Amino acid sequence: MNKGDQPTFENKDEEVLYWRSLATQYFDDIDRIQKESDEFISESQQLEREYEATIEQNEKKIKELTLANNRAYNEIETIRVKLDQSNKHTVSLQTQIENLSKEKTDMARYIRELEQKNDDLERSRRIVEESISGIEAAFHNAIERNAILESEIDEKEGLKEKLQRLADETRDLKQELLVKERCQENERPVNGYKPVSIVDSNRLKEIETQTTPIKKDQLPYQAPITPASRVMALNIVSDLIRKVGGLERRLEKSRFDYRDIGSNDLRSRHSAKNSPAPSIQGLSK
């Protein structure tokens, strides 16, 4: 308080009251300030303790974050190494992909070639099947012809037997005719006299060898053979000989056809064996 601001008092009591009230006010201010100071000190101590706890927590967090940072750095280094390895692996995979795409193109071209070959083989197989069916038809026809020829051969054998019998009968008839003619010539009268039959011994031997010795009592009765019957017998024999010759020619022709069919069949089978087999792709289709 300045001296110019000092009030004037009329008496001592007013001055005492004034200074007493002023002292009381100062004491109140001191108490208030002391309380505020105590509160400030307590609050500052509390804040200090809180700050210290916060600092400790922050230091712990800093340590933890430092450790986490170190771990993260190590992980980053590990990831960087893995990234380099993955880049190298990616480059190798790209190279493999390029090689596989090239192989795929080659395989597609090879598959097209195999399909073309398979189509060619299918066409050749159909041609071979058609030729085989034709050969089988010809073979069946040949078998039928052979069956007919076998029946004709059996007929030929029967005709041969019949021809042999007729030849034997013709020979017997010729021998009998020869004997009868000679007997008639020997019995023919000359100038009214019946000449005695004078026969050479060699001629008799020839007649005996040409004729079959048959006892007279064993011969059945036979009618005399006329020239017409002899001509008929000779015609029958010539017909049989002609039929046998025709059968032999047909038999030779059928054997030749059968050999030709067998050789064609063997050639077709050989070509079918030498032809390449169809592909798996065509089978899977």
C-alpha atoms as a PDB file:
ATOM      1  CA  MET A   1       0.000   0.000   0.000  1.00  0.00           C
ATOM      2  CA  ASN A   2       1.416   3.440  -0.957  1.00  0.00           C
ATOM      3  CA  LYS A   3       1.575   6.312   1.388  1.00  0.00           C
ATOM      4  CA  GLY A   4      -0.667   8.378  -0.834  1.00  0.00           C
ATOM      5  CA  ASP A   5      -3.294   5.676  -0.543  1.00  0.00           C
ATOM      6  CA  GLN A   6      -3.131   5.544   3.254  1.00  0.00           C
ATOM      7  CA  PRO A   7      -6.462   6.653   4.656  1.00  0.00           C
ATOM      8  CA  THR A   8      -6.913   9.300   7.290  1.00  0.00           C
ATOM      9  CA  PHE A   9      -8.504   8.430  10.540  1.00  0.00           C
ATOM     10  CA  GLU A  10     -10.449  10.642  12.844  1.00  0.00           C
ATOM     11  CA  ASN A  11      -9.563   8.720  15.940  1.00  0.00           C
ATOM     12  CA  LYS A  12      -7.494   5.826  17.103  1.00  0.00           C
ATOM     13  CA  ASP A  13     -10.333   3.375  17.212  1.00  0.00           C
ATOM     14  CA  GLU A  14     -11.043   3.708  13.516  1.00  0.00           C
ATOM     15  CA  GLU A  15      -7.383   3.265  12.784  1.00  0.00           C
ATOM     16  CA  VAL A  16      -7.211   0.161  14.986  1.00  0.00           C
ATOM     17  CA  LEU A  17     -10.300  -1.280  13.385  1.00  0.00           C
ATOM     18  CA  TYR A  18      -8.932  -0.569   9.989  1.00  0.00           C
ATOM     19  CA  TRP A  19      -5.607  -2.162  10.632  1.00  0.00           C
ATOM     20  CA  ARG A  20      -7.213  -5.064  12.420  1.00  0.00           C
ATOM     21  CA  SER A  21      -9.537  -5.716   9.507  1.00  0.00           C
ATOM     22  CA  LEU A  22      -6.625  -5.390   7.135  1.00  0.00           C
ATOM     23  CA  ALA A  23      -4.565  -7.845   9.202  1.00  0.00           C
ATOM     24  CA  THR A  24      -7.480 -10.224   9.321  1.00  0.00           C
ATOM     25  CA  GLN A  25      -7.778  -9.959   5.570  1.00  0.00           C
ATOM     26  CA  TYR A  26      -4.075 -10.637   5.185  1.00  0.00           C
ATOM     27  CA  PHE A  27      -4.278 -13.613   7.506  1.00  0.00           C
ATOM     28  CA  ASP A  28      -7.198 -14.945   5.494  1.00  0.00           C
ATOM     29  CA  ASP A  29      -5.219 -14.447   2.326  1.00  0.00           C
ATOM     30  CA  ILE A  30      -2.245 -16.204   3.891  1.00  0.00           C
ATOM     31  CA  ASP A  31      -4.405 -19.137   4.951  1.00  0.00           C
ATOM     32  CA  ARG A  32      -5.986 -19.313   1.533  1.00  0.00           C
ATOM     33  CA  ILE A  33      -2.627 -19.122  -0.182  1.00  0.00           C
ATOM     34  CA  GLN A  34      -1.205 -21.700   2.231  1.00  0.00           C
ATOM     35  CA  LYS A  35      -4.096 -24.011   1.446  1.00  0.00           C
ATOM     36  CA  GLU A  36      -3.665 -23.405  -2.237  1.00  0.00           C
ATOM     37  CA  SER A  37       0.049 -24.025  -1.835  1.00  0.00           C
ATOM     38  CA  ASP A  38      -0.583 -27.245   0.046  1.00  0.00           C
ATOM     39  CA  GLU A  39      -3.085 -28.315  -2.583  1.00  0.00           C
ATOM     40  CA  PHE A  40      -0.659 -27.390  -5.335  1.00  0.00           C
ATOM     41  CA  ILE A  41       2.152 -29.280  -3.608  1.00  0.00           C
ATOM     42  CA  SER A  42      -0.038 -32.359  -3.142  1.00  0.00           C
ATOM     43  CA  GLU A  43      -1.305 -32.123  -6.681  1.00  0.00           C
ATOM     44  CA  SER A  44       2.222 -31.606  -7.999  1.00  0.00           C
ATOM     45  CA  GLN A  45       3.428 -34.613  -5.994  1.00  0.00           C
ATOM     46  CA  GLN A  46       0.539 -36.666  -7.338  1.00  0.00           C
ATOM     47  CA  LEU A  47       1.283 -35.444 -10.846  1.00  0.00           C
ATOM     48  CA  GLU A  48       4.942 -36.261 -10.316  1.00  0.00           C
ATOM     49  CA  ARG A  49       4.056 -39.762  -9.216  1.00  0.00           C
ATOM     50  CA  GLU A  50       1.726 -40.110 -12.196  1.00  0.00           C
ATOM     51  CA  TYR A  51       4.411 -38.758 -14.509  1.00  0.00           C
ATOM     52  CA  GLU A  52       6.961 -41.154 -13.051  1.00  0.00           C
ATOM     53  CA  ALA A  53       4.528 -44.076 -13.537  1.00  0.00           C
ATOM     54  CA  THR A  54       3.789 -42.846 -17.030  1.00  0.00           C
ATOM     55  CA  ILE A  55       7.519 -42.508 -17.724  1.00  0.00           C
ATOM     56  CA  GLU A  56       8.120 -46.042 -16.451  1.00  0.00           C
ATOM     57  CA  GLN A  57       5.263 -47.331 -18.603  1.00  0.00           C
ATOM     58  CA  ASN A  58       6.580 -45.394 -21.574  1.00  0.00           C
ATOM     59  CA  GLU A  59      10.081 -46.758 -20.983  1.00  0.00           C
ATOM     60  CA  LYS A  60       8.647 -50.275 -20.843  1.00  0.00           C
ATOM     61  CA  LYS A  61       6.689 -49.569 -24.014  1.00  0.00           C
ATOM     62  CA  ILE A  62       9.830 -48.148 -25.626  1.00  0.00           C
ATOM     63  CA  LYS A  63      11.744 -51.306 -24.692  1.00  0.00           C
ATOM     64  CA  GLU A  64       8.903 -53.481 -25.977  1.00  0.00           C
ATOM     65  CA  LEU A  65       8.630 -51.416 -29.146  1.00  0.00           C
ATOM     66  CA  THR A  66      12.408 -51.613 -29.580  1.00  0.00           C
ATOM     67  CA  LEU A  67      12.268 -55.387 -29.268  1.00  0.00           C
ATOM     68  CA  ALA A  68       9.268 -55.488 -31.601  1.00  0.00           C
ATOM     69  CA  ASN A  69      11.133 -53.225 -34.012  1.00  0.00           C
ATOM     70  CA  ASN A  70      14.146 -55.527 -33.920  1.00  0.00           C
ATOM     71  CA  ARG A  71      11.918 -58.546 -34.464  1.00  0.00           C
ATOM     72  CA  ALA A  72      10.138 -56.735 -37.286  1.00  0.00           C
ATOM     73  CA  TYR A  73      13.490 -55.835 -38.834  1.00  0.00           C
ATOM     74  CA  ASN A  74      14.605 -59.445 -38.619  1.00  0.00           C
ATOM     75  CA  GLU A  75      11.302 -60.561 -40.096  1.00  0.00           C
ATOM     76  CA  ILE A  76      11.701 -57.969 -42.842  1.00  0.00           C
ATOM     77  CA  GLU A  77      15.150 -59.326 -43.617  1.00  0.00           C
ATOM     78  CA  THR A  78      13.780 -62.875 -43.635  1.00  0.00           C
ATOM     79  CA  ILE A  79      10.889 -61.807 -45.861  1.00  0.00           C
ATOM     80  CA  ARG A  80      13.350 -60.010 -48.137  1.00  0.00           C
ATOM     81  CA  VAL A  81      15.397 -63.211 -48.469  1.00  0.00           C
ATOM     82  CA  LYS A  82      12.213 -65.185 -49.115  1.00  0.00           C
ATOM     83  CA  LEU A  83      11.143 -62.559 -51.635  1.00  0.00           C
ATOM     84  CA  ASP A  84      14.430 -62.943 -53.482  1.00  0.00           C
ATOM     85  CA  GLN A  85      14.001 -66.710 -53.444  1.00  0.00           C
ATOM     86  CA  SER A  86      10.391 -66.379 -54.617  1.00  0.00           C
ATOM     87  CA  ASN A  87      11.528 -64.056 -57.422  1.00  0.00           C
ATOM     88  CA  LYS A  88      14.089 -66.631 -58.504  1.00  0.00           C
ATOM     89  CA  HIS A  89      11.453 -69.370 -58.243  1.00  0.00           C
ATOM     90  CA  THR A  90       9.030 -67.203 -60.229  1.00  0.00           C
ATOM     91  CA  VAL A  91      11.632 -66.744 -62.958  1.00  0.00           C
ATOM     92  CA  SER A  92      12.235 -70.509 -63.060  1.00  0.00           C
ATOM     93  CA  LEU A  93       8.468 -71.127 -63.144  1.00  0.00           C
ATOM     94  CA  GLN A  94       8.089 -68.679 -66.016  1.00  0.00           C
ATOM     95  CA  THR A  95      10.835 -70.539 -67.863  1.00  0.00           C
ATOM     96  CA  GLN A  96       9.065 -73.831 -67.166  1.00  0.00           C
ATOM     97  CA  ILE A  97       5.755 -72.324 -68.327  1.00  0.00           C
ATOM     98  CA  GLU A  98       7.370 -71.222 -71.578  1.00  0.00           C
ATOM     99  CA  ASN A  99       8.852 -74.696 -72.047  1.00  0.00           C
ATOM    100  CA  LEU A 100       5.492 -76.309 -71.237  1.00  0.00           C
ATOM    101  CA  SER A 101       3.678 -74.028 -73.671  1.00  0.00           C
ATOM    102  CA  LYS A 102       6.210 -74.984 -76.337  1.00  0.00           C
ATOM    103  CA  GLU A 103       5.763 -78.670 -75.490  1.00  0.00           C
ATOM    104  CA  LYS A 104       1.979 -78.179 -75.580  1.00  0.00           C
ATOM    105  CA  THR A 105       2.248 -76.699 -79.066  1.00  0.00           C
ATOM    106  CA  ASP A 106       4.458 -79.597 -80.162  1.00  0.00           C
ATOM    107  CA  MET A 107       2.053 -82.107 -78.601  1.00  0.00           C
ATOM    108  CA  ALA A 108      -0.926 -80.475 -80.322  1.00  0.00           C
ATOM    109  CA  ARG A 109       0.893 -80.709 -83.655  1.00  0.00           C
ATOM    110  CA  TYR A 110       1.864 -84.313 -82.901  1.00  0.00           C
ATOM    111  CA  ILE A 111      -1.762 -85.115 -81.943  1.00  0.00           C
ATOM    112  CA  ARG A 112      -2.972 -83.633 -85.240  1.00  0.00           C
ATOM    113  CA  GLU A 113      -0.447 -85.769 -87.100  1.00  0.00           C
ATOM    114  CA  LEU A 114      -1.566 -88.839 -85.130  1.00  0.00           C
ATOM    115  CA  GLU A 115      -5.208 -88.054 -85.914  1.00  0.00           C
ATOM    116  CA  GLN A 116      -4.357 -87.777 -89.606  1.00  0.00           C
ATOM    117  CA  LYS A 117      -2.470 -91.085 -89.422  1.00  0.00           C
ATOM    118  CA  ASN A 118      -5.405 -92.584 -87.524  1.00  0.00           C
ATOM    119  CA  ASP A 119      -7.786 -91.429 -90.261  1.00  0.00           C
ATOM    120  CA  ASP A 120      -5.486 -92.946 -92.879  1.00  0.00           C
ATOM    121  CA  LEU A 121      -5.349 -96.176 -90.885  1.00  0.00           C
ATOM    122  CA  GLU A 122      -9.140 -96.187 -90.542  1.00  0.00           C
ATOM    123  CA  ARG A 123      -9.492 -95.786 -94.309  1.00  0.00           C
ATOM    124  CA  SER A 124      -6.935 -98.531 -94.937  1.00  0.00           C
ATOM    125  CA  ARG A 125      -8.698-100.726 -92.351  1.00  0.00           C
ATOM    126  CA  ARG A 126     -12.041-100.210 -94.101  1.00  0.00           C
ATOM    127  CA  ILE A 127     -10.397-101.026 -97.439  1.00  0.00           C
ATOM    128  CA  VAL A 128      -8.812-104.153 -95.925  1.00  0.00           C
ATOM    129  CA  GLU A 129     -12.146-105.161 -94.370  1.00  0.00           C
ATOM    130  CA  GLU A 130     -13.874-104.704 -97.718  1.00  0.00           C
ATOM    131  CA  SER A 131     -11.152-106.735 -99.442  1.00  0.00           C
ATOM    132  CA  ILE A 132     -11.382-109.379 -96.698  1.00  0.00           C
ATOM    133  CA  SER A 133     -15.169-109.513 -97.097  1.00  0.00           C
ATOM    134  CA  GLY A 134     -14.679-109.923-100.851  1.00  0.00           C
ATOM    135  CA  ILE A 135     -12.080-112.617-100.258  1.00  0.00           C
ATOM    136  CA  GLU A 136     -14.389-114.335 -97.767  1.00  0.00           C
ATOM    137  CA  ALA A 137     -17.238-114.224-100.279  1.00  0.00           C
ATOM    138  CA  ALA A 138     -14.915-115.651-102.936  1.00  0.00           C
ATOM    139  CA  PHE A 139     -13.686-118.198-100.394  1.00  0.00           C
ATOM    140  CA  HIS A 140     -17.249-119.254 -99.570  1.00  0.00           C
ATOM    141  CA  ASN A 141     -17.997-119.473-103.270  1.00  0.00           C
ATOM    142  CA  ALA A 142     -14.862-121.568-103.691  1.00  0.00           C
ATOM    143  CA  ILE A 143     -15.961-123.769-100.784  1.00  0.00           C
ATOM    144  CA  GLU A 144     -19.356-124.218-102.428  1.00  0.00           C
ATOM    145  CA  ARG A 145     -17.623-124.954-105.721  1.00  0.00           C
ATOM    146  CA  ASN A 146     -15.359-127.406-103.940  1.00  0.00           C
ATOM    147  CA  ALA A 147     -18.376-129.082-102.352  1.00  0.00           C
ATOM    148  CA  ILE A 148     -19.967-129.343-105.795  1.00  0.00           C
ATOM    149  CA  LEU A 149     -16.681-130.614-107.200  1.00  0.00           C
ATOM    150  CA  GLU A 150     -16.349-133.120-104.375  1.00  0.00           C
ATOM    151  CA  SER A 151     -19.811-134.403-105.178  1.00  0.00           C
ATOM    152  CA  GLU A 152     -18.783-134.486-108.825  1.00  0.00           C
ATOM    153  CA  ILE A 153     -15.559-136.259-107.811  1.00  0.00           C
ATOM    154  CA  ASP A 154     -17.645-138.821-105.976  1.00  0.00           C
ATOM    155  CA  GLU A 155     -19.741-139.097-109.110  1.00  0.00           C
ATOM    156  CA  LYS A 156     -16.499-139.370-111.077  1.00  0.00           C
ATOM    157  CA  GLU A 157     -15.355-142.215-108.835  1.00  0.00           C
ATOM    158  CA  GLY A 158     -18.678-143.920-109.413  1.00  0.00           C
ATOM    159  CA  LEU A 159     -18.322-143.310-113.141  1.00  0.00           C
ATOM    160  CA  LYS A 160     -14.780-144.652-113.014  1.00  0.00           C
ATOM    161  CA  GLU A 161     -16.018-147.797-111.334  1.00  0.00           C
ATOM    162  CA  LYS A 162     -18.836-148.037-113.854  1.00  0.00           C
ATOM    163  CA  LEU A 163     -16.355-147.344-116.655  1.00  0.00           C
ATOM    164  CA  GLN A 164     -14.050-150.032-115.295  1.00  0.00           C
ATOM    165  CA  ARG A 165     -16.920-152.480-115.193  1.00  0.00           C
ATOM    166  CA  LEU A 166     -17.936-151.530-118.728  1.00  0.00           C
ATOM    167  CA  ALA A 167     -14.312-151.759-119.860  1.00  0.00           C
ATOM    168  CA  ASP A 168     -14.066-155.210-118.315  1.00  0.00           C
ATOM    169  CA  GLU A 169     -17.330-156.201-119.932  1.00  0.00           C
ATOM    170  CA  THR A 170     -16.163-154.720-123.252  1.00  0.00           C
ATOM    171  CA  ARG A 171     -12.889-156.614-123.008  1.00  0.00           C
ATOM    172  CA  ASP A 172     -14.772-159.798-122.220  1.00  0.00           C
ATOM    173  CA  LEU A 173     -17.146-159.114-125.099  1.00  0.00           C
ATOM    174  CA  LYS A 174     -14.251-158.453-127.461  1.00  0.00           C
ATOM    175  CA  GLN A 175     -12.552-161.646-126.370  1.00  0.00           C
ATOM    176  CA  GLU A 176     -15.765-163.617-126.807  1.00  0.00           C
ATOM    177  CA  LEU A 177     -16.333-162.024-130.226  1.00  0.00           C
ATOM    178  CA  LEU A 178     -12.776-162.833-131.215  1.00  0.00           C
ATOM    179  CA  VAL A 179     -13.171-166.433-130.091  1.00  0.00           C
ATOM    180  CA  LYS A 180     -16.531-166.780-131.858  1.00  0.00           C
ATOM    181  CA  GLU A 181     -15.199-165.226-135.075  1.00  0.00           C
ATOM    182  CA  ARG A 182     -12.226-167.556-135.059  1.00  0.00           C
ATOM    183  CA  CYS A 183     -14.458-170.506-134.358  1.00  0.00           C
ATOM    184  CA  GLN A 184     -16.742-169.490-137.214  1.00  0.00           C
ATOM    185  CA  GLU A 185     -13.763-169.083-139.535  1.00  0.00           C
ATOM    186  CA  ASN A 186     -12.475-172.506-138.556  1.00  0.00           C
ATOM    187  CA  GLU A 187     -15.890-174.118-139.020  1.00  0.00           C
ATOM    188  CA  ARG A 188     -16.538-172.523-142.457  1.00  0.00           C
ATOM    189  CA  PRO A 189     -16.588-175.370-145.181  1.00  0.00           C
ATOM    190  CA  VAL A 190     -14.113-175.162-148.008  1.00  0.00           C
ATOM    191  CA  ASN A 191     -15.331-176.767-151.327  1.00  0.00           C
ATOM    192  CA  GLY A 192     -18.034-178.617-149.461  1.00  0.00           C
ATOM    193  CA  TYR A 193     -15.651-180.078-146.936  1.00  0.00           C
ATOM    194  CA  LYS A 194     -15.267-178.998-143.386  1.00  0.00           C
ATOM    195  CA  PRO A 195     -11.576-178.348-142.863  1.00  0.00           C
ATOM    196  CA  VAL A 196      -9.875-179.518-139.811  1.00  0.00           C
ATOM    197  CA  SER A 197      -8.949-176.655-137.618  1.00  0.00           C
ATOM    198  CA  ILE A 198      -5.223-176.342-137.601  1.00  0.00           C
ATOM    199  CA  VAL A 199      -4.167-173.670-135.163  1.00  0.00           C
ATOM    200  CA  ASP A 200      -0.684-172.615-134.406  1.00  0.00           C
ATOM    201  CA  SER A 201       0.445-173.285-130.878  1.00  0.00           C
ATOM    202  CA  ASN A 202       1.656-169.678-130.489  1.00  0.00           C
ATOM    203  CA  ARG A 203      -1.734-168.419-131.665  1.00  0.00           C
ATOM    204  CA  LEU A 204      -3.436-170.637-129.123  1.00  0.00           C
ATOM    205  CA  LYS A 205      -1.241-169.245-126.369  1.00  0.00           C
ATOM    206  CA  GLU A 206      -2.107-165.704-127.480  1.00  0.00           C
ATOM    207  CA  ILE A 207      -5.810-166.526-127.426  1.00  0.00           C
ATOM    208  CA  GLU A 208      -5.464-168.126-124.022  1.00  0.00           C
ATOM    209  CA  THR A 209      -3.708-165.050-122.614  1.00  0.00           C
ATOM    210  CA  GLN A 210      -6.309-162.672-124.122  1.00  0.00           C
ATOM    211  CA  THR A 211      -9.294-164.643-122.935  1.00  0.00           C
ATOM    212  CA  THR A 212     -10.292-165.395-119.384  1.00  0.00           C
ATOM    213  CA  PRO A 213     -10.474-169.104-118.689  1.00  0.00           C
ATOM    214  CA  ILE A 214     -14.061-169.783-117.732  1.00  0.00           C
ATOM    215  CA  LYS A 215     -15.541-173.201-117.381  1.00  0.00           C
ATOM    216  CA  LYS A 216     -18.373-173.924-119.678  1.00  0.00           C
ATOM    217  CA  ASP A 217     -20.689-175.182-117.004  1.00  0.00           C
ATOM    218  CA  GLN A 218     -20.136-171.985-114.962  1.00  0.00           C
ATOM    219  CA  LEU A 219     -21.031-169.550-117.791  1.00  0.00           C
ATOM    220  CA  PRO A 220     -24.604-168.314-117.743  1.00  0.00           C
ATOM    221  CA  TYR A 221     -26.580-168.329-120.879  1.00  0.00           C
ATOM    222  CA  GLN A 222     -25.891-165.188-122.957  1.00  0.00           C
ATOM    223  CA  ALA A 223     -27.654-164.088-126.060  1.00  0.00           C
ATOM    224  CA  PRO A 224     -25.496-163.474-129.105  1.00  0.00           C
ATOM    225  CA  ILE A 225     -24.141-159.867-129.268  1.00  0.00           C
ATOM    226  CA  THR A 226     -25.252-157.915-132.289  1.00  0.00           C
ATOM    227  CA  PRO A 227     -23.187-155.150-133.953  1.00  0.00           C
ATOM    228  CA  ALA A 228     -25.714-152.558-132.735  1.00  0.00           C
ATOM    229  CA  SER A 229     -25.175-153.595-129.114  1.00  0.00           C
ATOM    230  CA  ARG A 230     -21.420-153.409-129.606  1.00  0.00           C
ATOM    231  CA  VAL A 231     -21.692-149.881-131.056  1.00  0.00           C
ATOM    232  CA  MET A 232     -23.937-148.853-128.147  1.00  0.00           C
ATOM    233  CA  ALA A 233     -21.444-150.221-125.626  1.00  0.00           C
ATOM    234  CA  LEU A 234     -18.594-148.353-127.313  1.00  0.00           C
ATOM    235  CA  ASN A 235     -20.634-145.121-127.334  1.00  0.00           C
ATOM    236  CA  ILE A 236     -21.376-145.512-123.627  1.00  0.00           C
ATOM    237  CA  VAL A 237     -17.679-146.056-122.916  1.00  0.00           C
ATOM    238  CA  SER A 238     -16.667-142.982-124.968  1.00  0.00           C
ATOM    239  CA  ASP A 239     -19.298-140.834-123.189  1.00  0.00           C
ATOM    240  CA  LEU A 240     -18.018-141.981-119.830  1.00  0.00           C
ATOM    241  CA  ILE A 241     -14.424-141.227-120.845  1.00  0.00           C
ATOM    242  CA  ARG A 242     -15.451-137.736-122.023  1.00  0.00           C
ATOM    243  CA  LYS A 243     -17.310-137.043-118.751  1.00  0.00           C
ATOM    244  CA  VAL A 244     -14.314-138.195-116.718  1.00  0.00           C
ATOM    245  CA  GLY A 245     -12.011-135.883-118.714  1.00  0.00           C
ATOM    246  CA  GLY A 246     -14.372-132.918-118.170  1.00  0.00           C
ATOM    247  CA  LEU A 247     -14.493-133.626-114.434  1.00  0.00           C
ATOM    248  CA  GLU A 248     -10.697-133.786-114.280  1.00  0.00           C
ATOM    249  CA  ARG A 249     -10.394-130.427-116.072  1.00  0.00           C
ATOM    250  CA  ARG A 250     -12.931-128.815-113.728  1.00  0.00           C
ATOM    251  CA  LEU A 251     -11.106-130.279-110.721  1.00  0.00           C
ATOM    252  CA  GLU A 252      -7.785-128.816-111.879  1.00  0.00           C
ATOM    253  CA  LYS A 253      -9.427-125.432-112.487  1.00  0.00           C
ATOM    254  CA  SER A 254     -10.998-125.418-108.993  1.00  0.00           C
ATOM    255  CA  ARG A 255      -7.648-126.331-107.416  1.00  0.00           C
ATOM    256  CA  PHE A 256      -5.991-123.450-109.277  1.00  0.00           C
ATOM    257  CA  ASP A 257      -8.723-121.004-108.134  1.00  0.00           C
ATOM    258  CA  TYR A 258      -8.415-122.251-104.548  1.00  0.00           C
ATOM    259  CA  ARG A 259      -4.629-121.727-104.592  1.00  0.00           C
ATOM    260  CA  ASP A 260      -5.139-118.215-106.032  1.00  0.00           C
ATOM    261  CA  ILE A 261      -7.669-117.324-103.291  1.00  0.00           C
ATOM    262  CA  GLY A 262      -5.346-118.696-100.583  1.00  0.00           C
ATOM    263  CA  SER A 263      -2.398-116.655-101.887  1.00  0.00           C
ATOM    264  CA  ASN A 264      -4.547-113.470-101.990  1.00  0.00           C
ATOM    265  CA  ASP A 265      -5.731-114.131 -98.427  1.00  0.00           C
ATOM    266  CA  LEU A 266      -2.145-114.603 -97.225  1.00  0.00           C
ATOM    267  CA  ARG A 267      -1.053-111.371 -98.936  1.00  0.00           C
ATOM    268  CA  SER A 268      -3.931-109.410 -97.362  1.00  0.00           C
ATOM    269  CA  ARG A 269      -3.158-110.822 -93.899  1.00  0.00           C
ATOM    270  CA  HIS A 270       0.527-110.005 -94.330  1.00  0.00           C
ATOM    271  CA  SER A 271      -0.278-106.408 -95.315  1.00  0.00           C
ATOM    272  CA  ALA A 272      -2.692-106.115 -92.349  1.00  0.00           C
ATOM    273  CA  LYS A 273       0.042-107.345 -89.971  1.00  0.00           C
ATOM    274  CA  ASN A 274       2.627-104.917 -91.387  1.00  0.00           C
ATOM    275  CA  SER A 275       0.261-101.931 -91.148  1.00  0.00           C
ATOM    276  CA  PRO A 276       0.811 -99.768 -87.962  1.00  0.00           C
ATOM    277  CA  ALA A 277      -1.699 -99.892 -85.096  1.00  0.00           C
ATOM    278  CA  PRO A 278      -4.112 -96.945 -84.418  1.00  0.00           C
ATOM    279  CA  SER A 279      -3.336 -94.386 -81.704  1.00  0.00           C
ATOM    280  CA  ILE A 280      -4.709 -94.202 -78.074  1.00  0.00           C
ATOM    281  CA  GLN A 281      -6.181 -90.849 -78.831  1.00  0.00           C
ATOM    282  CA  GLY A 282      -8.331 -92.341 -81.539  1.00  0.00           C
ATOM    283  CA  LEU A 283      -9.400 -95.142 -79.181  1.00  0.00           C
ATOM    284  CA  SER A 284     -10.301 -92.782 -76.485  1.00  0.00           C
ATOM    285  CA  LYS A 285     -12.431 -90.898 -78.977  1.00  0.00           C
END
